[in-house]
N, C-alpha and C. Protein backbone atom coordinates (compact mmCIF):
# COMPACT_ATOMS: atom_id res chain seq x y z
N ILE A 1 -12.37 -19.96 -6.23
CA ILE A 1 -13.19 -19.13 -5.36
C ILE A 1 -12.63 -17.70 -5.33
N ARG A 2 -11.32 -17.59 -5.22
CA ARG A 2 -10.69 -16.27 -5.14
C ARG A 2 -11.00 -15.43 -6.37
N HIS A 3 -10.90 -16.04 -7.55
CA HIS A 3 -11.15 -15.29 -8.78
C HIS A 3 -12.62 -14.90 -8.90
N THR A 4 -13.52 -15.75 -8.44
CA THR A 4 -14.94 -15.41 -8.47
C THR A 4 -15.24 -14.27 -7.52
N VAL A 5 -14.61 -14.27 -6.34
CA VAL A 5 -14.78 -13.15 -5.41
C VAL A 5 -14.22 -11.86 -6.01
N ASP A 6 -13.07 -11.95 -6.66
CA ASP A 6 -12.51 -10.77 -7.34
C ASP A 6 -13.49 -10.23 -8.38
N ASN A 7 -14.07 -11.11 -9.16
CA ASN A 7 -15.02 -10.70 -10.19
C ASN A 7 -16.29 -10.12 -9.57
N ALA A 8 -16.76 -10.74 -8.50
CA ALA A 8 -17.99 -10.26 -7.83
C ALA A 8 -17.81 -8.85 -7.29
N VAL A 9 -16.67 -8.57 -6.66
CA VAL A 9 -16.46 -7.24 -6.10
C VAL A 9 -16.34 -6.21 -7.23
N TYR A 10 -15.70 -6.57 -8.32
CA TYR A 10 -15.58 -5.65 -9.46
C TYR A 10 -16.95 -5.37 -10.07
N GLU A 11 -17.70 -6.41 -10.38
CA GLU A 11 -19.00 -6.23 -11.03
C GLU A 11 -19.98 -5.49 -10.12
N GLY A 12 -19.96 -5.79 -8.82
CA GLY A 12 -20.82 -5.08 -7.88
C GLY A 12 -20.47 -3.60 -7.81
N CYS A 13 -19.19 -3.30 -7.76
CA CYS A 13 -18.75 -1.91 -7.70
C CYS A 13 -19.07 -1.19 -9.01
N ARG A 14 -18.85 -1.85 -10.10
CA ARG A 14 -19.15 -1.26 -11.40
C ARG A 14 -20.63 -0.92 -11.51
N GLN A 15 -21.48 -1.79 -11.00
CA GLN A 15 -22.92 -1.53 -11.00
C GLN A 15 -23.25 -0.32 -10.12
N ALA A 16 -22.53 -0.17 -9.00
CA ALA A 16 -22.82 0.89 -8.03
C ALA A 16 -22.44 2.28 -8.51
N ILE A 17 -21.54 2.39 -9.48
CA ILE A 17 -21.05 3.72 -9.85
C ILE A 17 -21.81 4.37 -11.00
N ILE A 18 -22.70 3.63 -11.62
CA ILE A 18 -23.43 4.22 -12.75
C ILE A 18 -24.56 5.12 -12.23
N PRO A 19 -24.94 6.15 -13.00
CA PRO A 19 -26.03 7.03 -12.58
C PRO A 19 -27.31 6.23 -12.32
N GLY A 20 -27.97 6.55 -11.22
CA GLY A 20 -29.21 5.87 -10.85
C GLY A 20 -29.01 4.57 -10.08
N ALA A 21 -27.77 4.21 -9.79
CA ALA A 21 -27.49 2.94 -9.11
C ALA A 21 -27.97 2.98 -7.66
N THR A 22 -28.20 1.80 -7.13
CA THR A 22 -28.55 1.65 -5.71
C THR A 22 -27.61 0.63 -5.07
N SER A 23 -27.48 0.72 -3.76
CA SER A 23 -26.64 -0.27 -3.06
C SER A 23 -27.25 -1.67 -3.18
N GLY A 24 -28.58 -1.75 -3.20
CA GLY A 24 -29.24 -3.04 -3.38
C GLY A 24 -28.92 -3.68 -4.72
N GLY A 25 -28.88 -2.86 -5.76
CA GLY A 25 -28.53 -3.36 -7.08
C GLY A 25 -27.10 -3.86 -7.13
N ALA A 26 -26.21 -3.15 -6.46
CA ALA A 26 -24.80 -3.56 -6.41
C ALA A 26 -24.66 -4.89 -5.66
N ARG A 27 -25.36 -5.02 -4.54
CA ARG A 27 -25.32 -6.28 -3.78
C ARG A 27 -25.87 -7.43 -4.61
N ALA A 28 -26.97 -7.19 -5.32
CA ALA A 28 -27.57 -8.23 -6.15
C ALA A 28 -26.63 -8.66 -7.28
N THR A 29 -25.95 -7.70 -7.89
CA THR A 29 -25.01 -8.02 -8.97
C THR A 29 -23.87 -8.88 -8.44
N ALA A 30 -23.30 -8.49 -7.31
CA ALA A 30 -22.21 -9.27 -6.72
C ALA A 30 -22.69 -10.67 -6.32
N ALA A 31 -23.88 -10.75 -5.73
CA ALA A 31 -24.42 -12.05 -5.33
C ALA A 31 -24.67 -12.94 -6.54
N ASN A 32 -25.08 -12.35 -7.64
CA ASN A 32 -25.31 -13.11 -8.87
C ASN A 32 -24.00 -13.74 -9.37
N VAL A 33 -22.91 -12.97 -9.31
CA VAL A 33 -21.60 -13.51 -9.72
C VAL A 33 -21.19 -14.64 -8.78
N LEU A 34 -21.36 -14.44 -7.47
CA LEU A 34 -21.02 -15.50 -6.51
C LEU A 34 -21.86 -16.75 -6.74
N GLY A 35 -23.09 -16.55 -7.19
CA GLY A 35 -23.99 -17.67 -7.45
C GLY A 35 -23.55 -18.56 -8.61
N THR A 36 -22.67 -18.05 -9.48
CA THR A 36 -22.21 -18.88 -10.59
C THR A 36 -21.44 -20.10 -10.10
N LEU A 37 -20.82 -19.99 -8.92
CA LEU A 37 -20.15 -21.14 -8.31
C LEU A 37 -20.96 -21.76 -7.19
N GLY A 38 -22.12 -21.17 -6.90
CA GLY A 38 -22.94 -21.67 -5.80
C GLY A 38 -22.30 -21.44 -4.44
N LEU A 39 -21.60 -20.32 -4.30
CA LEU A 39 -20.89 -20.04 -3.04
C LEU A 39 -21.87 -19.71 -1.93
N ASN A 40 -21.62 -20.28 -0.76
CA ASN A 40 -22.43 -20.06 0.44
C ASN A 40 -21.64 -19.23 1.44
N GLY A 41 -22.31 -18.71 2.45
CA GLY A 41 -21.62 -18.00 3.52
C GLY A 41 -20.93 -16.73 3.05
N SER A 42 -21.57 -16.01 2.14
CA SER A 42 -20.95 -14.79 1.62
C SER A 42 -21.66 -13.56 2.18
N THR A 43 -20.90 -12.47 2.25
CA THR A 43 -21.44 -11.18 2.68
C THR A 43 -20.99 -10.13 1.68
N VAL A 44 -21.93 -9.33 1.22
CA VAL A 44 -21.63 -8.22 0.31
C VAL A 44 -22.03 -6.94 1.02
N THR A 45 -21.08 -6.02 1.16
CA THR A 45 -21.33 -4.74 1.83
C THR A 45 -21.06 -3.61 0.85
N VAL A 46 -21.97 -2.65 0.81
CA VAL A 46 -21.81 -1.48 -0.05
C VAL A 46 -21.79 -0.24 0.84
N SER A 47 -20.80 0.60 0.61
CA SER A 47 -20.68 1.83 1.38
C SER A 47 -20.49 3.00 0.42
N PRO A 48 -21.30 4.01 0.53
CA PRO A 48 -22.34 4.25 1.52
C PRO A 48 -23.59 3.40 1.24
N ALA A 49 -24.40 3.24 2.26
CA ALA A 49 -25.60 2.41 2.13
C ALA A 49 -26.62 3.04 1.19
N THR A 50 -26.64 4.37 1.12
CA THR A 50 -27.53 5.08 0.21
C THR A 50 -26.68 5.84 -0.80
N ILE A 51 -26.92 5.57 -2.07
CA ILE A 51 -26.16 6.21 -3.15
C ILE A 51 -27.07 7.25 -3.80
N ASP A 52 -26.59 8.48 -3.93
CA ASP A 52 -27.35 9.50 -4.64
C ASP A 52 -26.41 10.28 -5.55
N ASN A 53 -26.92 11.35 -6.19
CA ASN A 53 -26.10 12.07 -7.16
C ASN A 53 -24.98 12.87 -6.52
N ARG A 54 -24.94 12.96 -5.21
CA ARG A 54 -23.85 13.65 -4.52
C ARG A 54 -22.79 12.68 -3.98
N THR A 55 -22.99 11.39 -4.17
CA THR A 55 -22.04 10.40 -3.68
C THR A 55 -20.82 10.38 -4.61
N PRO A 56 -19.62 10.70 -4.08
CA PRO A 56 -18.45 10.79 -4.95
C PRO A 56 -17.84 9.44 -5.33
N GLU A 57 -17.93 8.47 -4.41
CA GLU A 57 -17.34 7.15 -4.67
C GLU A 57 -18.09 6.09 -3.88
N VAL A 58 -17.94 4.88 -4.33
CA VAL A 58 -18.61 3.74 -3.71
C VAL A 58 -17.59 2.65 -3.44
N THR A 59 -17.70 2.03 -2.28
CA THR A 59 -16.84 0.91 -1.91
C THR A 59 -17.69 -0.34 -1.74
N VAL A 60 -17.27 -1.42 -2.37
CA VAL A 60 -17.95 -2.71 -2.24
C VAL A 60 -16.95 -3.70 -1.64
N THR A 61 -17.42 -4.44 -0.64
CA THR A 61 -16.62 -5.48 -0.01
C THR A 61 -17.36 -6.80 -0.12
N VAL A 62 -16.67 -7.83 -0.57
CA VAL A 62 -17.24 -9.18 -0.66
C VAL A 62 -16.39 -10.09 0.21
N GLU A 63 -17.06 -10.84 1.07
CA GLU A 63 -16.37 -11.77 1.97
C GLU A 63 -17.03 -13.14 1.83
N VAL A 64 -16.22 -14.17 1.62
CA VAL A 64 -16.72 -15.53 1.46
C VAL A 64 -15.98 -16.45 2.43
N SER A 65 -16.73 -17.19 3.21
CA SER A 65 -16.16 -18.15 4.16
C SER A 65 -15.69 -19.40 3.43
N LEU A 66 -14.47 -19.81 3.68
CA LEU A 66 -13.98 -21.05 3.06
C LEU A 66 -14.55 -22.29 3.76
N ASP A 67 -14.99 -22.13 5.01
CA ASP A 67 -15.59 -23.26 5.72
C ASP A 67 -16.78 -23.82 4.96
N ASP A 68 -17.54 -22.94 4.32
CA ASP A 68 -18.75 -23.34 3.63
C ASP A 68 -18.54 -23.69 2.16
N ASN A 69 -17.31 -23.51 1.64
CA ASN A 69 -17.15 -23.57 0.19
C ASN A 69 -15.94 -24.34 -0.31
N THR A 70 -15.32 -25.14 0.49
CA THR A 70 -14.16 -25.87 0.00
C THR A 70 -14.24 -27.34 0.41
N PHE A 71 -13.62 -28.17 -0.39
CA PHE A 71 -13.57 -29.60 -0.09
C PHE A 71 -12.27 -29.98 0.60
N VAL A 72 -11.40 -28.98 0.79
CA VAL A 72 -10.12 -29.20 1.44
C VAL A 72 -10.36 -29.42 2.93
N PRO A 73 -9.65 -30.35 3.56
CA PRO A 73 -9.85 -30.58 5.00
C PRO A 73 -9.72 -29.30 5.82
N PRO A 74 -10.55 -29.14 6.86
CA PRO A 74 -10.59 -27.88 7.62
C PRO A 74 -9.28 -27.51 8.31
N GLN A 75 -8.38 -28.45 8.52
CA GLN A 75 -7.12 -28.06 9.18
C GLN A 75 -6.29 -27.13 8.31
N PHE A 76 -6.58 -27.07 7.01
CA PHE A 76 -5.84 -26.19 6.11
C PHE A 76 -6.51 -24.82 5.97
N PHE A 77 -7.84 -24.79 5.90
CA PHE A 77 -8.54 -23.54 5.65
C PHE A 77 -9.63 -23.24 6.66
N GLY A 78 -9.73 -24.00 7.74
CA GLY A 78 -10.77 -23.79 8.74
C GLY A 78 -10.76 -22.38 9.29
N GLY A 79 -11.91 -21.74 9.29
CA GLY A 79 -12.04 -20.40 9.82
C GLY A 79 -11.53 -19.29 8.91
N LYS A 80 -11.03 -19.63 7.75
CA LYS A 80 -10.47 -18.63 6.83
C LYS A 80 -11.57 -18.05 5.94
N LYS A 81 -11.32 -16.82 5.50
CA LYS A 81 -12.25 -16.14 4.59
C LYS A 81 -11.45 -15.47 3.48
N ILE A 82 -12.09 -15.33 2.35
CA ILE A 82 -11.53 -14.54 1.26
C ILE A 82 -12.31 -13.23 1.26
N THR A 83 -11.59 -12.12 1.38
CA THR A 83 -12.23 -10.81 1.42
C THR A 83 -11.58 -9.92 0.37
N ARG A 84 -12.41 -9.26 -0.42
CA ARG A 84 -11.92 -8.31 -1.41
C ARG A 84 -12.73 -7.03 -1.28
N THR A 85 -12.04 -5.89 -1.41
CA THR A 85 -12.67 -4.58 -1.34
C THR A 85 -12.23 -3.76 -2.53
N LEU A 86 -13.17 -3.03 -3.11
CA LEU A 86 -12.86 -2.18 -4.25
C LEU A 86 -13.62 -0.86 -4.10
N THR A 87 -12.94 0.25 -4.35
CA THR A 87 -13.55 1.57 -4.34
C THR A 87 -13.40 2.19 -5.72
N MET A 88 -14.51 2.74 -6.24
CA MET A 88 -14.50 3.40 -7.54
C MET A 88 -15.22 4.74 -7.43
N GLN A 89 -14.77 5.69 -8.24
CA GLN A 89 -15.47 6.97 -8.33
C GLN A 89 -16.74 6.77 -9.14
N ARG A 90 -17.79 7.47 -8.74
CA ARG A 90 -19.07 7.37 -9.46
C ARG A 90 -19.02 8.11 -10.77
N GLU A 91 -19.73 7.61 -11.73
CA GLU A 91 -19.85 8.27 -13.04
C GLU A 91 -20.91 9.36 -12.93
N GLY A 92 -20.58 10.54 -13.40
CA GLY A 92 -21.55 11.62 -13.47
C GLY A 92 -22.00 12.17 -12.13
N SER A 93 -21.22 11.96 -11.06
CA SER A 93 -21.63 12.50 -9.76
C SER A 93 -21.45 14.02 -9.77
N ASN A 94 -22.35 14.70 -9.10
CA ASN A 94 -22.29 16.16 -9.01
C ASN A 94 -21.54 16.56 -7.76
N LEU A 95 -20.28 16.83 -7.90
CA LEU A 95 -19.48 17.17 -6.73
C LEU A 95 -19.41 18.67 -6.54
């Protein structure tokens, strides 16, 4: 799960930094990666919410609840989440 979350945050952020990208596209890309394992209870946040040619960098955060995604008894991972955040500079932004 941890490695899939790492990959999802990277791929979502990578999608967000290309010219013409949208936060919705970044969220969809990250969700698609999370879907490869069928992960439930996930949240993908993109900041800023609106990306334009003046946006210098984008931050993507992916959070996945272990309560919804593990077979390990809850006394070990109950209430725990895996959270990863990545910030990248946009390609071709007009600063």
